[in-house]
Protein backbone atom coordinates (compact mmCIF):
# COMPACT_ATOMS: atom_id res chain seq x y z
CA MET A 1 97.89 65.51 67.74
CA GLU A 2 94.83 65.41 70.01
CA LYS A 3 96.87 66.81 72.90
CA ALA A 4 98.34 69.60 70.75
CA TYR A 5 94.84 70.51 69.58
CA ALA A 6 93.55 70.56 73.16
CA LEU A 7 96.41 72.89 74.12
CA TRP A 8 95.66 75.12 71.14
CA ARG A 9 91.96 75.29 72.04
CA ALA A 10 92.83 76.11 75.64
CA PHE A 11 95.23 78.88 74.56
CA GLN A 12 92.62 80.36 72.25
CA ASP A 13 89.75 80.12 74.71
CA ARG A 14 91.62 81.12 77.86
CA ILE A 15 94.03 83.73 76.51
CA LEU A 16 93.16 85.05 73.05
CA ALA A 17 89.38 85.16 73.53
CA ARG A 18 89.68 86.79 76.94
CA ALA A 19 92.25 89.32 75.70
CA ALA A 20 89.95 90.24 72.81
CA ALA A 21 86.97 90.53 75.17
CA LEU A 22 88.94 92.72 77.56
CA VAL A 23 90.05 95.03 74.74
CA LEU A 24 86.46 95.29 73.47
CA LEU A 25 85.20 96.07 76.97
CA GLY A 26 87.84 98.78 77.35
CA CYS A 27 86.89 100.29 73.99
CA THR A 28 83.22 100.27 74.89
CA LEU A 29 83.92 102.01 78.19
CA LEU A 30 86.16 104.56 76.46
CA ALA A 31 83.45 105.26 73.86
CA VAL A 32 80.83 105.76 76.60
CA LEU A 33 83.21 108.04 78.51
CA GLU A 34 83.80 110.04 75.34
CA VAL A 35 80.06 110.45 74.73
CA ILE A 36 79.64 111.75 78.29
CA ARG A 37 82.67 114.07 77.98
CA ARG A 38 81.56 115.41 74.60
CA TYR A 39 77.85 115.94 75.25
CA VAL A 40 77.85 116.76 78.96
CA PHE A 41 81.11 118.68 79.36
CA GLY A 42 81.69 119.82 75.77
CA VAL A 43 85.25 118.44 75.57
CA SER A 44 86.75 115.33 74.07
CA PHE A 45 90.03 113.52 73.65
CA GLU A 46 91.52 114.12 70.20
CA TRP A 47 92.93 110.58 70.21
CA GLN A 48 89.74 108.78 71.30
CA GLN A 49 88.49 107.91 67.81
CA ASP A 50 91.86 106.39 66.87
CA ALA A 51 91.96 104.45 70.13
CA VAL A 52 88.50 102.95 69.77
CA THR A 53 88.97 102.11 66.08
CA LEU A 54 92.43 100.57 66.39
CA PHE A 55 91.72 98.65 69.60
CA ILE A 56 88.44 97.23 68.28
CA LEU A 57 90.24 96.11 65.13
CA SER A 58 92.98 94.55 67.26
CA ALA A 59 90.40 92.61 69.27
CA VAL A 60 88.81 91.37 66.04
CA TYR A 61 92.25 90.36 64.73
CA LEU A 62 92.93 88.36 67.87
CA TYR A 63 89.66 86.50 67.33
CA PHE A 64 90.43 85.44 63.72
CA GLY A 65 91.81 82.02 64.65
CA ILE A 66 89.00 81.26 67.07
CA SER A 67 86.43 82.17 64.46
CA GLN A 68 88.22 79.92 61.95
CA ARG A 69 88.32 77.04 64.43
CA HIS A 70 84.57 77.27 65.03
CA GLY A 71 83.73 77.78 61.35
CA ALA A 72 82.06 81.06 62.34
CA HIS A 73 83.18 82.93 59.25
CA LEU A 74 81.56 83.83 55.99
CA ASN A 75 81.50 80.97 53.52
CA VAL A 76 79.61 80.13 50.37
CA ASN A 77 78.62 76.51 50.06
CA LEU A 78 76.40 76.40 46.99
CA LEU A 79 78.81 74.01 45.27
CA PHE A 80 78.80 71.76 48.33
CA GLY A 81 75.00 71.61 48.30
CA VAL A 82 74.96 70.64 44.64
CA LEU A 83 77.63 67.98 45.10
CA ALA A 84 75.87 66.52 48.15
CA VAL A 85 72.92 65.60 45.90
CA PHE A 86 75.15 63.01 44.22
CA GLY A 87 75.26 60.87 47.36
CA PRO A 88 78.39 59.42 48.97
CA SER A 89 80.69 60.22 46.04
CA GLY A 90 79.46 63.82 46.06
CA LEU A 91 80.01 64.08 49.81
CA ARG A 92 83.52 62.72 49.41
CA ALA A 93 84.18 65.34 46.72
CA VAL A 94 82.92 68.01 49.12
CA GLU A 95 85.37 66.82 51.79
CA LEU A 96 88.23 66.75 49.29
CA ILE A 97 87.44 70.29 48.07
CA LYS A 98 87.27 71.50 51.68
CA VAL A 99 90.73 70.06 52.38
CA LEU A 100 92.18 71.62 49.22
CA VAL A 101 90.65 75.03 50.02
CA THR A 102 91.93 74.80 53.60
CA ILE A 103 95.43 73.98 52.35
CA PHE A 104 95.30 76.99 50.03
CA SER A 105 94.08 79.20 52.89
CA PHE A 106 96.83 77.90 55.17
CA VAL A 107 99.55 78.65 52.60
CA PHE A 108 98.06 82.12 52.06
CA MET A 109 98.00 82.86 55.82
CA VAL A 110 101.59 81.68 56.25
CA ALA A 111 102.63 83.97 53.36
CA VAL A 112 100.77 86.92 54.88
CA VAL A 113 102.47 86.36 58.23
CA TRP A 114 105.87 85.90 56.58
CA TRP A 115 105.57 89.13 54.60
CA GLY A 116 103.97 90.95 57.51
CA PHE A 117 107.11 90.94 59.65
CA PRO A 118 108.87 93.52 57.42
CA GLU A 119 105.81 95.78 57.78
CA ILE A 120 106.17 95.74 61.55
CA GLU A 121 109.91 96.37 61.24
CA ASP A 122 109.24 99.32 58.92
CA SER A 123 106.63 100.68 61.30
CA LEU A 124 109.15 100.53 64.13
CA GLN A 125 111.99 101.95 62.04
CA TYR A 126 110.02 104.87 60.59
CA GLY A 127 107.86 105.52 63.65
CA SER A 128 104.51 105.13 61.86
CA ARG A 129 101.71 106.60 63.94
CA SER A 130 97.92 106.72 63.91
CA GLU A 131 96.03 109.61 62.33
CA SER A 132 95.90 111.54 65.62
CA LEU A 133 99.62 110.79 66.09
CA ALA A 134 98.81 109.50 69.56
CA PHE A 135 99.55 105.81 68.91
CA PRO A 136 102.42 103.97 67.25
CA MET A 137 101.11 101.58 64.60
CA TRP A 138 103.39 98.60 65.30
CA PRO A 139 101.27 97.18 68.17
CA PHE A 140 98.21 97.07 65.93
CA LEU A 141 100.16 95.53 63.06
CA THR A 142 101.50 92.97 65.52
CA ALA A 143 97.94 92.15 66.66
CA LEU A 144 97.01 91.65 62.99
CA LEU A 145 99.93 89.29 62.47
CA VAL A 146 99.11 87.38 65.67
CA GLY A 147 95.53 87.02 64.39
CA PHE A 148 96.69 85.72 61.03
CA ALA A 149 99.19 83.35 62.67
CA SER A 150 96.43 82.08 64.95
CA MET A 151 94.25 81.53 61.92
CA ALA A 152 97.09 79.61 60.22
CA VAL A 153 97.43 77.30 63.23
CA SER A 154 93.67 76.68 63.26
CA LEU A 155 93.81 75.95 59.52
CA PHE A 156 96.66 73.49 60.08
CA PHE A 157 94.52 71.51 62.53
CA GLN A 158 91.58 71.67 60.10
CA ILE A 159 93.78 70.26 57.34
CA TYR A 160 94.78 67.40 59.61
CA ARG A 161 91.14 66.77 60.58
CA GLY A 162 90.04 66.89 56.92
CA VAL A 163 92.74 64.50 55.72
CA GLN A 164 91.89 62.09 58.52
CA LYS A 165 88.20 62.36 57.65
CA LEU A 166 89.04 61.42 54.05
CA ARG A 167 90.82 58.37 55.49
CA GLY A 168 87.67 57.48 57.44
CA LEU A 169 88.93 58.66 60.85
CA ASP A 170 87.11 61.09 63.14
CA VAL A 171 89.66 63.20 65.05
CA LEU A 172 90.12 66.57 66.80
CA HIS A 173 86.71 67.06 68.34
CA GLU A 174 85.43 70.35 69.66
CA PRO A 175 84.12 70.22 73.23
CA GLU A 176 80.42 70.93 73.71
CA GLU A 177 80.86 73.10 76.80
CA GLY A 178 83.32 75.71 77.95
CA ALA A 179 84.38 77.35 74.69
CA LEU A 180 84.24 81.12 74.69
CA HIS A 181 82.66 82.12 71.40
């Protein structure tokens, strides 16, 4: 499992993170170009707003799994703080709740991905397009599904880590250096 996790981290850090960063860089450059075109030359692309919005969202989608892996997402841990006051048994309850919530999240993500495929098929079949009609929607829906699938894989590894932690084993460590986040 350690080797699979190392491969997953490498894929996320070397491919997904860099793809998301490249898309964000391209969107930033396009937005700057559009500001120059609009305010200096008085013209603009009618599709630029759709492009920037949809590509930024796609980059964020691609980063979902990486954010999940690093725990860099919004979470509320008031209950965990209260339970931690009860000492070792409270901390064990916290770990158990975390595993149960992660299992629920994993099942939810798998369901979203499963039911997302028909949405992409419909988008392809009916030719759904962005508001400016410049872009087909299926690539952005695909990026969303890839992001959710990536999050599901990260959740799977977190479930494994959590179950092993409940068994008293410390597994699947994050490296200190080299992660793009």
